[in-house]
C-alpha atoms as a PDB file:
ATOM      1  CA  MET A   1      39.780 178.147 114.297  1.00  0.00           C
ATOM      2  CA  SER A   2      40.550 175.695 117.095  1.00  0.00           C
ATOM      3  CA  VAL A   3      38.156 172.981 118.243  1.00  0.00           C
ATOM      4  CA  VAL A   4      37.269 175.067 121.278  1.00  0.00           C
ATOM      5  CA  ASP A   5      36.505 178.043 119.059  1.00  0.00           C
ATOM      6  CA  LEU A   6      34.280 175.899 116.837  1.00  0.00           C
ATOM      7  CA  ALA A   7      32.428 174.616 119.881  1.00  0.00           C
ATOM      8  CA  GLN A   8      31.766 178.161 121.057  1.00  0.00           C
ATOM      9  CA  PHE A   9      30.770 179.252 117.574  1.00  0.00           C
ATOM     10  CA  MET A  10      28.221 176.431 117.462  1.00  0.00           C
ATOM     11  CA  GLU A  11      26.823 177.712 120.755  1.00  0.00           C
ATOM     12  CA  ASP A  12      26.635 181.216 119.286  1.00  0.00           C
ATOM     13  CA  LEU A  13      24.687 179.853 116.315  1.00  0.00           C
ATOM     14  CA  ALA A  14      22.253 178.223 118.729  1.00  0.00           C
ATOM     15  CA  THR A  15      21.798 181.409 120.735  1.00  0.00           C
ATOM     16  CA  GLN A  16      21.136 183.608 117.720  1.00  0.00           C
ATOM     17  CA  SER A  17      18.873 181.131 115.932  1.00  0.00           C
ATOM     18  CA  GLY A  18      16.883 180.659 119.122  1.00  0.00           C
ATOM     19  CA  ALA A  19      16.397 184.399 119.418  1.00  0.00           C
ATOM     20  CA  ALA A  20      15.069 184.438 115.844  1.00  0.00           C
ATOM     21  CA  ILE A  21      12.650 181.559 116.464  1.00  0.00           C
ATOM     22  CA  LEU A  22      11.088 182.244 119.861  1.00  0.00           C
ATOM     23  CA  PRO A  23       8.966 185.286 118.882  1.00  0.00           C
ATOM     24  CA  PHE A  24       7.084 182.989 116.484  1.00  0.00           C
ATOM     25  CA  PHE A  25       6.422 180.079 118.833  1.00  0.00           C
ATOM     26  CA  ARG A  26       2.781 179.879 119.977  1.00  0.00           C
ATOM     27  CA  ALA A  27       2.101 183.055 118.006  1.00  0.00           C
ATOM     28  CA  HIS A  28       0.445 183.851 114.681  1.00  0.00           C
ATOM     29  CA  PHE A  29       2.870 183.599 111.772  1.00  0.00           C
ATOM     30  CA  GLY A  30       3.093 182.846 108.079  1.00  0.00           C
ATOM     31  CA  LEU A  31       2.990 179.208 107.020  1.00  0.00           C
ATOM     32  CA  ASP A  32       3.717 177.679 103.619  1.00  0.00           C
ATOM     33  CA  ASP A  33       3.407 174.125 102.326  1.00  0.00           C
ATOM     34  CA  LYS A  34       6.576 173.064 100.489  1.00  0.00           C
ATOM     35  CA  SER A  35       4.702 170.192  98.816  1.00  0.00           C
ATOM     36  CA  HIS A  36       2.734 172.851  96.875  1.00  0.00           C
ATOM     37  CA  GLY A  37      -0.319 170.618  96.651  1.00  0.00           C
ATOM     38  CA  THR A  38       1.507 167.988  94.582  1.00  0.00           C
ATOM     39  CA  GLY A  39      -0.167 165.146  96.435  1.00  0.00           C
ATOM     40  CA  HIS A  40       2.844 164.518  98.662  1.00  0.00           C
ATOM     41  CA  ALA A  41       2.578 164.729 102.439  1.00  0.00           C
ATOM     42  CA  PHE A  42       2.053 168.165 103.980  1.00  0.00           C
ATOM     43  CA  ASP A  43       5.517 169.725 104.302  1.00  0.00           C
ATOM     44  CA  PRO A  44       5.241 172.929 106.342  1.00  0.00           C
ATOM     45  CA  VAL A  45       7.748 175.759 106.570  1.00  0.00           C
ATOM     46  CA  THR A  46       7.333 178.887 108.684  1.00  0.00           C
ATOM     47  CA  GLU A  47       8.776 182.369 108.891  1.00  0.00           C
ATOM     48  CA  ALA A  48      10.658 181.130 111.944  1.00  0.00           C
ATOM     49  CA  ASP A  49      12.434 178.396 109.923  1.00  0.00           C
ATOM     50  CA  ARG A  50      13.613 180.903 107.357  1.00  0.00           C
ATOM     51  CA  ALA A  51      14.611 183.575 109.879  1.00  0.00           C
ATOM     52  CA  ALA A  52      16.677 181.147 111.956  1.00  0.00           C
ATOM     53  CA  GLU A  53      18.519 179.618 109.007  1.00  0.00           C
ATOM     54  CA  ALA A  54      19.181 183.058 107.516  1.00  0.00           C
ATOM     55  CA  VAL A  55      20.858 184.310 110.690  1.00  0.00           C
ATOM     56  CA  MET A  56      23.004 181.167 111.001  1.00  0.00           C
ATOM     57  CA  ARG A  57      24.090 181.411 107.367  1.00  0.00           C
ATOM     58  CA  ARG A  58      25.086 185.039 107.802  1.00  0.00           C
ATOM     59  CA  MET A  59      27.186 184.171 110.835  1.00  0.00           C
ATOM     60  CA  ILE A  60      28.957 181.293 109.083  1.00  0.00           C
ATOM     61  CA  ASN A  61      29.636 183.295 105.927  1.00  0.00           C
ATOM     62  CA  ASP A  62      30.934 186.247 107.954  1.00  0.00           C
ATOM     63  CA  ARG A  63      33.229 184.307 110.281  1.00  0.00           C
ATOM     64  CA  LEU A  64      34.052 181.109 108.377  1.00  0.00           C
ATOM     65  CA  PRO A  65      33.831 181.975 104.674  1.00  0.00           C
ATOM     66  CA  ASN A  66      35.752 178.871 103.622  1.00  0.00           C
ATOM     67  CA  HIS A  67      33.284 176.528 105.320  1.00  0.00           C
ATOM     68  CA  GLY A  68      30.377 175.007 103.450  1.00  0.00           C
ATOM     69  CA  ILE A  69      26.700 175.128 104.386  1.00  0.00           C
ATOM     70  CA  LEU A  70      23.881 172.653 103.789  1.00  0.00           C
ATOM     71  CA  GLY A  71      20.541 173.884 105.097  1.00  0.00           C
ATOM     72  CA  GLU A  72      16.952 172.773 104.782  1.00  0.00           C
ATOM     73  CA  GLU A  73      15.499 176.096 103.682  1.00  0.00           C
ATOM     74  CA  PHE A  74      18.154 177.741 101.507  1.00  0.00           C
ATOM     75  CA  GLY A  75      20.095 174.870  99.972  1.00  0.00           C
ATOM     76  CA  SER A  76      23.840 174.404  99.745  1.00  0.00           C
ATOM     77  CA  GLU A  77      26.973 176.508  99.502  1.00  0.00           C
ATOM     78  CA  ARG A  78      30.526 175.173  99.107  1.00  0.00           C
ATOM     79  CA  VAL A  79      29.519 171.634 100.123  1.00  0.00           C
ATOM     80  CA  ASP A  80      32.837 170.326  98.774  1.00  0.00           C
ATOM     81  CA  ALA A  81      34.648 172.240 101.538  1.00  0.00           C
ATOM     82  CA  GLU A  82      36.664 170.438 104.208  1.00  0.00           C
ATOM     83  CA  CYS A  83      34.182 171.576 106.877  1.00  0.00           C
ATOM     84  CA  VAL A  84      30.456 171.853 106.192  1.00  0.00           C
ATOM     85  CA  TRP A  85      27.748 173.106 108.551  1.00  0.00           C
ATOM     86  CA  VAL A  86      24.502 171.142 108.268  1.00  0.00           C
ATOM     87  CA  LEU A  87      21.494 173.109 109.489  1.00  0.00           C
ATOM     88  CA  ASP A  88      17.860 172.359 110.224  1.00  0.00           C
ATOM     89  CA  PRO A  89      16.446 175.524 111.819  1.00  0.00           C
ATOM     90  CA  ILE A  90      13.329 173.772 113.140  1.00  0.00           C
ATOM     91  CA  ASP A  91      13.313 169.998 113.133  1.00  0.00           C
ATOM     92  CA  GLY A  92       9.741 169.168 114.057  1.00  0.00           C
ATOM     93  CA  THR A  93       7.908 171.985 112.285  1.00  0.00           C
ATOM     94  CA  ARG A  94       4.582 170.159 112.699  1.00  0.00           C
ATOM     95  CA  ALA A  95       5.083 170.194 116.468  1.00  0.00           C
ATOM     96  CA  PHE A  96       6.137 173.851 116.293  1.00  0.00           C
ATOM     97  CA  ILE A  97       2.998 174.993 114.485  1.00  0.00           C
ATOM     98  CA  SER A  98       0.902 172.944 116.930  1.00  0.00           C
ATOM     99  CA  GLY A  99       2.423 174.715 119.932  1.00  0.00           C
ATOM    100  CA  LEU A 100       4.161 171.549 121.158  1.00  0.00           C
ATOM    101  CA  PRO A 101       7.768 171.872 122.397  1.00  0.00           C
ATOM    102  CA  THR A 102       9.068 168.647 120.798  1.00  0.00           C
ATOM    103  CA  TRP A 103      11.070 170.510 118.142  1.00  0.00           C
ATOM    104  CA  GLY A 104      14.626 171.747 118.048  1.00  0.00           C
ATOM    105  CA  THR A 105      17.278 173.496 116.016  1.00  0.00           C
ATOM    106  CA  LEU A 106      19.860 171.081 114.620  1.00  0.00           C
ATOM    107  CA  ILE A 107      23.390 172.358 114.045  1.00  0.00           C
ATOM    108  CA  GLY A 108      25.873 169.818 112.747  1.00  0.00           C
ATOM    109  CA  LEU A 109      29.447 170.040 111.533  1.00  0.00           C
ATOM    110  CA  THR A 110      31.089 167.586 109.150  1.00  0.00           C
ATOM    111  CA  HIS A 111      34.816 167.231 108.469  1.00  0.00           C
ATOM    112  CA  HIS A 112      35.665 165.488 105.205  1.00  0.00           C
ATOM    113  CA  GLY A 113      32.091 164.184 105.190  1.00  0.00           C
ATOM    114  CA  ALA A 114      32.085 162.695 108.692  1.00  0.00           C
ATOM    115  CA  ALA A 115      29.787 164.117 111.381  1.00  0.00           C
ATOM    116  CA  VAL A 116      32.170 165.376 114.078  1.00  0.00           C
ATOM    117  CA  ARG A 117      30.095 167.737 116.217  1.00  0.00           C
ATOM    118  CA  GLY A 118      26.405 168.293 116.807  1.00  0.00           C
ATOM    119  CA  LEU A 119      24.027 170.401 118.847  1.00  0.00           C
ATOM    120  CA  MET A 120      20.266 170.221 119.321  1.00  0.00           C
ATOM    121  CA  HIS A 121      18.826 173.416 120.817  1.00  0.00           C
ATOM    122  CA  GLN A 122      15.321 173.720 122.258  1.00  0.00           C
ATOM    123  CA  PRO A 123      15.179 177.424 123.151  1.00  0.00           C
ATOM    124  CA  TYR A 124      11.657 177.383 124.604  1.00  0.00           C
ATOM    125  CA  LEU A 125      12.635 174.753 127.187  1.00  0.00           C
ATOM    126  CA  GLY A 126      16.172 176.087 127.484  1.00  0.00           C
ATOM    127  CA  GLU A 127      17.834 172.764 126.654  1.00  0.00           C
ATOM    128  CA  ARG A 128      20.961 172.112 124.620  1.00  0.00           C
ATOM    129  CA  PHE A 129      22.124 168.606 123.755  1.00  0.00           C
ATOM    130  CA  LEU A 130      25.746 168.518 122.598  1.00  0.00           C
ATOM    131  CA  GLY A 131      28.083 165.826 121.332  1.00  0.00           C
ATOM    132  CA  ASP A 132      31.391 165.297 119.560  1.00  0.00           C
ATOM    133  CA  GLY A 133      31.165 161.569 118.928  1.00  0.00           C
ATOM    134  CA  LYS A 134      33.238 160.767 122.017  1.00  0.00           C
ATOM    135  CA  THR A 135      31.242 162.488 124.748  1.00  0.00           C
ATOM    136  CA  ALA A 136      27.781 164.040 124.991  1.00  0.00           C
ATOM    137  CA  SER A 137      25.988 166.244 127.477  1.00  0.00           C
ATOM    138  CA  VAL A 138      22.797 168.190 128.063  1.00  0.00           C
ATOM    139  CA  ARG A 139      22.660 171.699 129.454  1.00  0.00           C
ATOM    140  CA  SER A 140      19.539 173.223 130.990  1.00  0.00           C
ATOM    141  CA  ALA A 141      18.423 175.409 133.878  1.00  0.00           C
ATOM    142  CA  LYS A 142      19.433 172.516 136.152  1.00  0.00           C
ATOM    143  CA  GLY A 143      23.021 172.709 134.935  1.00  0.00           C
ATOM    144  CA  GLU A 144      25.029 170.416 132.681  1.00  0.00           C
ATOM    145  CA  ARG A 145      25.287 166.651 132.932  1.00  0.00           C
ATOM    146  CA  PRO A 146      26.812 163.915 130.780  1.00  0.00           C
ATOM    147  CA  LEU A 147      24.610 161.750 128.590  1.00  0.00           C
ATOM    148  CA  HIS A 148      24.780 157.954 128.557  1.00  0.00           C
ATOM    149  CA  THR A 149      22.583 155.563 126.632  1.00  0.00           C
ATOM    150  CA  ARG A 150      20.771 152.706 128.336  1.00  0.00           C
ATOM    151  CA  ARG A 151      22.126 149.159 128.205  1.00  0.00           C
ATOM    152  CA  ASN A 152      19.449 146.938 126.678  1.00  0.00           C
ATOM    153  CA  GLU A 153      20.040 144.126 124.222  1.00  0.00           C
ATOM    154  CA  ALA A 154      16.488 142.799 123.787  1.00  0.00           C
ATOM    155  CA  LEU A 155      13.859 144.167 121.406  1.00  0.00           C
ATOM    156  CA  GLY A 156      11.185 142.866 123.762  1.00  0.00           C
ATOM    157  CA  ASN A 157      12.354 145.284 126.464  1.00  0.00           C
ATOM    158  CA  ALA A 158      12.880 148.251 124.155  1.00  0.00           C
ATOM    159  CA  ILE A 159      11.073 151.565 123.865  1.00  0.00           C
ATOM    160  CA  LEU A 160      10.993 152.602 120.212  1.00  0.00           C
ATOM    161  CA  ALA A 161      10.345 156.053 118.740  1.00  0.00           C
ATOM    162  CA  THR A 162       9.618 157.315 115.250  1.00  0.00           C
ATOM    163  CA  THR A 163       8.314 160.610 113.943  1.00  0.00           C
ATOM    164  CA  ASP A 164       5.259 159.180 112.174  1.00  0.00           C
ATOM    165  CA  PRO A 165       4.628 155.609 110.945  1.00  0.00           C
ATOM    166  CA  ARG A 166       2.848 157.071 107.921  1.00  0.00           C
ATOM    167  CA  LEU A 167       6.185 158.403 106.649  1.00  0.00           C
ATOM    168  CA  PHE A 168       7.340 154.884 105.758  1.00  0.00           C
ATOM    169  CA  ALA A 169       6.684 154.043 102.119  1.00  0.00           C
ATOM    170  CA  GLU A 170       3.852 151.573 101.680  1.00  0.00           C
ATOM    171  CA  GLY A 171       5.027 148.099 100.887  1.00  0.00           C
ATOM    172  CA  GLU A 172       8.283 146.553 102.079  1.00  0.00           C
ATOM    173  CA  GLU A 173       9.487 149.609 104.018  1.00  0.00           C
ATOM    174  CA  ALA A 174       6.290 150.021 106.032  1.00  0.00           C
ATOM    175  CA  GLU A 175       6.060 146.283 106.597  1.00  0.00           C
ATOM    176  CA  ARG A 176       9.575 146.133 108.035  1.00  0.00           C
ATOM    177  CA  PHE A 177       8.720 148.942 110.441  1.00  0.00           C
ATOM    178  CA  ARG A 178       5.506 147.225 111.513  1.00  0.00           C
ATOM    179  CA  THR A 179       7.461 144.030 112.122  1.00  0.00           C
ATOM    180  CA  ILE A 180       9.991 145.666 114.422  1.00  0.00           C
ATOM    181  CA  GLU A 181       7.312 147.709 116.168  1.00  0.00           C
ATOM    182  CA  GLY A 182       5.463 144.490 116.878  1.00  0.00           C
ATOM    183  CA  GLN A 183       8.474 143.143 118.766  1.00  0.00           C
ATOM    184  CA  VAL A 184       9.219 146.071 121.095  1.00  0.00           C
ATOM    185  CA  LYS A 185       7.715 146.810 124.491  1.00  0.00           C
ATOM    186  CA  MET A 186       6.344 150.246 123.607  1.00  0.00           C
ATOM    187  CA  SER A 187       6.483 152.837 120.829  1.00  0.00           C
ATOM    188  CA  ARG A 188       6.079 156.602 120.739  1.00  0.00           C
ATOM    189  CA  TYR A 189       5.306 158.880 117.778  1.00  0.00           C
ATOM    190  CA  GLY A 190       5.812 162.555 116.967  1.00  0.00           C
ATOM    191  CA  THR A 191       9.198 162.903 118.592  1.00  0.00           C
ATOM    192  CA  ASP A 192      11.363 164.176 115.691  1.00  0.00           C
ATOM    193  CA  CYS A 193      14.861 165.150 116.888  1.00  0.00           C
ATOM    194  CA  TYR A 194      13.891 164.699 120.541  1.00  0.00           C
ATOM    195  CA  ALA A 195      13.807 160.929 120.045  1.00  0.00           C
ATOM    196  CA  TYR A 196      17.543 160.815 119.397  1.00  0.00           C
ATOM    197  CA  CYS A 197      18.276 163.083 122.356  1.00  0.00           C
ATOM    198  CA  MET A 198      16.141 160.952 124.662  1.00  0.00           C
ATOM    199  CA  LEU A 199      17.952 157.890 123.336  1.00  0.00           C
ATOM    200  CA  ALA A 200      21.252 159.578 124.218  1.00  0.00           C
ATOM    201  CA  ALA A 201      19.838 160.368 127.657  1.00  0.00           C
ATOM    202  CA  GLY A 202      18.919 156.721 128.287  1.00  0.00           C
ATOM    203  CA  GLN A 203      15.172 157.311 128.283  1.00  0.00           C
ATOM    204  CA  ILE A 204      14.391 155.274 125.152  1.00  0.00           C
ATOM    205  CA  ASP A 205      16.258 152.519 123.346  1.00  0.00           C
ATOM    206  CA  LEU A 206      15.613 152.603 119.629  1.00  0.00           C
ATOM    207  CA  VAL A 207      14.740 155.059 116.835  1.00  0.00           C
ATOM    208  CA  VAL A 208      13.690 153.821 113.395  1.00  0.00           C
ATOM    209  CA  GLU A 209      12.934 156.272 110.591  1.00  0.00           C
ATOM    210  CA  ALA A 210      12.935 156.623 106.810  1.00  0.00           C
ATOM    211  CA  GLY A 211      13.020 159.417 104.272  1.00  0.00           C
ATOM    212  CA  LEU A 212      15.419 161.610 106.265  1.00  0.00           C
ATOM    213  CA  LYS A 213      17.615 164.280 104.710  1.00  0.00           C
ATOM    214  CA  PRO A 214      21.191 164.948 105.866  1.00  0.00           C
ATOM    215  CA  TYR A 215      20.058 168.013 107.824  1.00  0.00           C
ATOM    216  CA  ASP A 216      17.625 165.800 109.788  1.00  0.00           C
ATOM    217  CA  ILE A 217      20.346 163.532 111.162  1.00  0.00           C
ATOM    218  CA  VAL A 218      23.920 164.889 110.901  1.00  0.00           C
ATOM    219  CA  ALA A 219      23.769 166.983 114.094  1.00  0.00           C
ATOM    220  CA  LEU A 220      22.305 164.058 116.041  1.00  0.00           C
ATOM    221  CA  ILE A 221      24.954 161.482 115.133  1.00  0.00           C
ATOM    222  CA  PRO A 222      27.748 162.916 117.368  1.00  0.00           C
ATOM    223  CA  ILE A 223      25.263 163.278 120.237  1.00  0.00           C
ATOM    224  CA  VAL A 224      24.073 159.667 120.089  1.00  0.00           C
ATOM    225  CA  GLU A 225      27.545 158.274 119.466  1.00  0.00           C
ATOM    226  CA  GLY A 226      29.055 160.474 122.171  1.00  0.00           C
ATOM    227  CA  ALA A 227      26.566 159.010 124.649  1.00  0.00           C
ATOM    228  CA  GLY A 228      27.515 155.453 123.693  1.00  0.00           C
ATOM    229  CA  GLY A 229      24.905 154.709 121.050  1.00  0.00           C
ATOM    230  CA  VAL A 230      24.974 153.638 117.409  1.00  0.00           C
ATOM    231  CA  VAL A 231      23.449 155.373 114.374  1.00  0.00           C
ATOM    232  CA  THR A 232      23.494 153.865 110.873  1.00  0.00           C
ATOM    233  CA  SER A 233      21.378 153.371 107.810  1.00  0.00           C
ATOM    234  CA  TRP A 234      19.154 150.293 107.745  1.00  0.00           C
ATOM    235  CA  ASP A 235      21.857 148.389 105.869  1.00  0.00           C
ATOM    236  CA  GLY A 236      24.454 149.283 108.511  1.00  0.00           C
ATOM    237  CA  GLY A 237      26.175 151.981 106.462  1.00  0.00           C
ATOM    238  CA  PRO A 238      26.870 155.632 107.361  1.00  0.00           C
ATOM    239  CA  ALA A 239      23.860 157.708 108.416  1.00  0.00           C
ATOM    240  CA  THR A 240      25.198 161.089 107.258  1.00  0.00           C
ATOM    241  CA  GLY A 241      23.377 160.906 103.933  1.00  0.00           C
ATOM    242  CA  GLY A 242      19.983 160.435 105.561  1.00  0.00           C
ATOM    243  CA  GLY A 243      17.441 157.999 104.148  1.00  0.00           C
ATOM    244  CA  ARG A 244      16.472 154.995 106.263  1.00  0.00           C
ATOM    245  CA  ILE A 245      17.974 155.420 109.726  1.00  0.00           C
ATOM    246  CA  VAL A 246      18.180 153.211 112.804  1.00  0.00           C
ATOM    247  CA  ALA A 247      19.682 154.397 116.089  1.00  0.00           C
ATOM    248  CA  ALA A 248      20.091 152.335 119.243  1.00  0.00           C
ATOM    249  CA  GLY A 249      21.490 152.924 122.685  1.00  0.00           C
ATOM    250  CA  ASP A 250      23.115 149.492 122.803  1.00  0.00           C
ATOM    251  CA  ARG A 251      25.107 147.941 119.953  1.00  0.00           C
ATOM    252  CA  ARG A 252      23.555 144.538 120.661  1.00  0.00           C
ATOM    253  CA  LEU A 253      20.085 146.040 120.245  1.00  0.00           C
ATOM    254  CA  HIS A 254      21.223 147.747 117.063  1.00  0.00           C
ATOM    255  CA  ASP A 255      22.363 144.391 115.689  1.00  0.00           C
ATOM    256  CA  ALA A 256      19.004 142.850 116.590  1.00  0.00           C
ATOM    257  CA  ALA A 257      17.154 145.704 114.867  1.00  0.00           C
ATOM    258  CA  LEU A 258      19.232 145.338 111.686  1.00  0.00           C
ATOM    259  CA  LYS A 259      18.293 141.663 111.490  1.00  0.00           C
ATOM    260  CA  VAL A 260      14.600 142.607 111.505  1.00  0.00           C
ATOM    261  CA  LEU A 261      15.022 145.479 109.058  1.00  0.00           C
ATOM    262  CA  ASN A 262      17.062 143.310 106.671  1.00  0.00           C
ATOM    263  CA  PRO A 263      15.284 139.926 106.666  1.00  0.00           C
END
């Protein structure tokens, strides 16, 4: 398939997964805890998560049987393939089950392990954030516009976002986050994938997280990078494997953040 065909196919995945999810939002539905009472943090999964990933997997296997799939709910298939789709049907499940619209479907595509295309779809709000690492845009009822990160080199002027400060491991990891949070102008919690999209849109400056899986970040890398931002691990390496992630709208701010996170 050509690049244009892959772009349209990604849009088709978003449309069909959104149709599977929306009947469950702000409705009564089944909810399971993937931590199974092991003492780990509450890890919810809903019928909507499973339904959306199932429909995307069917579409990929039907139309692109040589492509691999890595998804949050149903594991991996052919992940040694040249092209692998990385899927998180609902990033922000806690927001979803609380009726808050700060969740989205993440659809990423890797080529030889590099994140080359990504889409974040929020079907309730009708927003799609798209990127290919070179350009990025957002499409909504207001139309489509390009995304550009904000120029800001100083931590003291930065707005920082993270999903939940309690997700940082106690000890050195949590202390490093508290240190950088103490240097920024303002911080916001509970943003999940929306933080990266708002960074790409120039609304915030910095995202710092830990404990991410590949399906939490792969789709967001081409969006942030396409808007002019930087996404790496805390040690400055590739972010595609997840783990400790730092994203910034300005490379100078990213460098400043790395110095704090790696004292």
